[in-house]
C-alpha atoms as a PDB file:
ATOM      1  CA  MET A   1     214.243  79.906 340.203  1.00  0.00           C
ATOM      2  CA  ASP A   2     217.789  80.871 339.686  1.00  0.00           C
ATOM      3  CA  ILE A   3     219.027  83.715 337.818  1.00  0.00           C
ATOM      4  CA  LYS A   4     219.002  81.841 334.880  1.00  0.00           C
ATOM      5  CA  SER A   5     216.112  80.920 334.871  1.00  0.00           C
ATOM      6  CA  PHE A   6     214.843  84.638 335.905  1.00  0.00           C
ATOM      7  CA  LYS A   7     216.656  85.627 333.094  1.00  0.00           C
ATOM      8  CA  GLU A   8     215.392  83.258 330.939  1.00  0.00           C
ATOM      9  CA  LYS A   9     211.803  84.768 331.487  1.00  0.00           C
ATOM     10  CA  ILE A  10     212.551  87.748 330.775  1.00  0.00           C
ATOM     11  CA  ILE A  11     214.092  86.879 327.541  1.00  0.00           C
ATOM     12  CA  LYS A  12     210.510  84.950 326.639  1.00  0.00           C
ATOM     13  CA  ASN A  13     208.616  87.467 327.866  1.00  0.00           C
ATOM     14  CA  LYS A  14     210.409  90.065 326.360  1.00  0.00           C
ATOM     15  CA  ILE A  15     209.791  92.144 329.706  1.00  0.00           C
ATOM     16  CA  PRO A  16     211.089  95.562 329.541  1.00  0.00           C
ATOM     17  CA  ASP A  17     214.070  96.564 331.488  1.00  0.00           C
ATOM     18  CA  SER A  18     212.390  99.283 333.088  1.00  0.00           C
ATOM     19  CA  TRP A  19     210.267  97.559 335.189  1.00  0.00           C
ATOM     20  CA  TYR A  20     212.847  95.847 337.571  1.00  0.00           C
ATOM     21  CA  SER A  21     216.122  96.117 338.776  1.00  0.00           C
ATOM     22  CA  ILE A  22     218.384  93.357 339.932  1.00  0.00           C
ATOM     23  CA  ASN A  23     221.418  94.809 342.603  1.00  0.00           C
ATOM     24  CA  ASN A  24     221.776  98.060 339.805  1.00  0.00           C
ATOM     25  CA  GLY A  25     220.431 100.927 341.820  1.00  0.00           C
ATOM     26  CA  VAL A  26     216.721 101.703 341.801  1.00  0.00           C
ATOM     27  CA  LYS A  27     214.642 103.032 338.239  1.00  0.00           C
ATOM     28  CA  PHE A  28     210.941 105.231 339.295  1.00  0.00           C
ATOM     29  CA  ASN A  29     207.939 102.702 338.751  1.00  0.00           C
ATOM     30  CA  ALA A  30     210.051 100.107 339.128  1.00  0.00           C
ATOM     31  CA  CYS A  31     210.619  96.444 341.183  1.00  0.00           C
ATOM     32  CA  ILE A  32     213.910  96.788 343.047  1.00  0.00           C
ATOM     33  CA  LEU A  33     215.649  93.356 344.294  1.00  0.00           C
ATOM     34  CA  ILE A  34     219.157  94.799 346.194  1.00  0.00           C
ATOM     35  CA  GLU A  35     221.426  91.757 348.147  1.00  0.00           C
ATOM     36  CA  HIS A  36     222.594  92.436 350.911  1.00  0.00           C
ATOM     37  CA  SER A  37     225.296  90.289 353.130  1.00  0.00           C
ATOM     38  CA  SER A  38     222.479  88.169 355.067  1.00  0.00           C
ATOM     39  CA  TYR A  39     219.115  88.504 352.809  1.00  0.00           C
ATOM     40  CA  TRP A  40     217.836  89.498 350.119  1.00  0.00           C
ATOM     41  CA  GLU A  41     215.560  92.778 350.193  1.00  0.00           C
ATOM     42  CA  SER A  42     212.518  93.916 347.208  1.00  0.00           C
ATOM     43  CA  PHE A  43     210.461  96.780 347.287  1.00  0.00           C
ATOM     44  CA  TYR A  44     208.455  98.759 344.780  1.00  0.00           C
ATOM     45  CA  PHE A  45     209.778 102.109 343.938  1.00  0.00           C
ATOM     46  CA  ASP A  46     207.080 104.464 342.651  1.00  0.00           C
ATOM     47  CA  GLU A  47     207.482 107.543 340.451  1.00  0.00           C
ATOM     48  CA  LYS A  48     207.334 109.759 343.813  1.00  0.00           C
ATOM     49  CA  GLY A  49     210.547 108.162 345.352  1.00  0.00           C
ATOM     50  CA  GLU A  50     208.519 106.697 347.557  1.00  0.00           C
ATOM     51  CA  SER A  51     209.072 102.194 348.663  1.00  0.00           C
ATOM     52  CA  HIS A  52     206.487 100.424 348.783  1.00  0.00           C
ATOM     53  CA  ASN A  53     205.753  96.646 349.436  1.00  0.00           C
ATOM     54  CA  LEU A  54     209.010  96.076 351.528  1.00  0.00           C
ATOM     55  CA  ARG A  55     210.042  92.651 351.494  1.00  0.00           C
ATOM     56  CA  LEU A  56     213.232  90.646 352.687  1.00  0.00           C
ATOM     57  CA  PHE A  57     214.022  87.337 351.662  1.00  0.00           C
ATOM     58  CA  SER A  58     216.719  84.551 353.093  1.00  0.00           C
ATOM     59  CA  ASN A  59     218.080  83.883 349.790  1.00  0.00           C
ATOM     60  CA  GLU A  60     218.200  84.778 346.388  1.00  0.00           C
ATOM     61  CA  VAL A  61     215.582  82.081 345.234  1.00  0.00           C
ATOM     62  CA  GLU A  62     212.633  83.160 347.338  1.00  0.00           C
ATOM     63  CA  ALA A  63     213.949  86.738 346.191  1.00  0.00           C
ATOM     64  CA  LEU A  64     213.226  85.493 342.237  1.00  0.00           C
ATOM     65  CA  ASP A  65     210.324  84.103 342.543  1.00  0.00           C
ATOM     66  CA  TYR A  66     208.889  86.720 344.743  1.00  0.00           C
ATOM     67  CA  LEU A  67     209.827  89.340 341.472  1.00  0.00           C
ATOM     68  CA  TRP A  68     208.704  87.406 339.219  1.00  0.00           C
ATOM     69  CA  THR A  69     205.682  86.906 341.092  1.00  0.00           C
ATOM     70  CA  GLU A  70     205.674  90.937 341.086  1.00  0.00           C
ATOM     71  CA  ILE A  71     206.099  90.742 337.202  1.00  0.00           C
ATOM     72  CA  GLU A  72     203.498  88.550 336.594  1.00  0.00           C
ATOM     73  CA  ASN A  73     201.520  91.317 338.546  1.00  0.00           C
ATOM     74  CA  MET A  74     202.551  93.780 336.289  1.00  0.00           C
ATOM     75  CA  ILE A  75     201.683  91.360 332.752  1.00  0.00           C
ATOM     76  CA  LYS A  76     197.898  91.431 333.972  1.00  0.00           C
ATOM     77  CA  LEU A  77     198.067  94.842 334.913  1.00  0.00           C
ATOM     78  CA  TYR A  78     199.735  96.450 331.935  1.00  0.00           C
ATOM     79  CA  HIS A  79     197.872  93.238 329.387  1.00  0.00           C
ATOM     80  CA  TRP A  80     201.450  93.217 328.811  1.00  0.00           C
ATOM     81  CA  ASP A  81     201.565  90.613 325.308  1.00  0.00           C
ATOM     82  CA  PRO A  82     204.539  89.693 324.489  1.00  0.00           C
ATOM     83  CA  HIS A  83     203.736  88.871 320.668  1.00  0.00           C
ATOM     84  CA  SER A  84     202.806  92.167 320.285  1.00  0.00           C
ATOM     85  CA  HIS A  85     206.543  94.183 321.320  1.00  0.00           C
END
């Protein structure tokens, strides 16, 4: 997915900014996605400042697809209902 489609899904599902970061530094308890010169890096940054589930991607589409999958997992975990927010 491209960044425009990703942002549309974020808005439609009313996903809090605190759940993720794309090229905007790290946040506690969030999925982080960082673009480097030749690859994308994804990981989860916990409340103790430790990173987990490091994944590397060769392009933006794969990286955003993975990030959305991680957000979908958080939606299930937190029983997130966009209609109640």
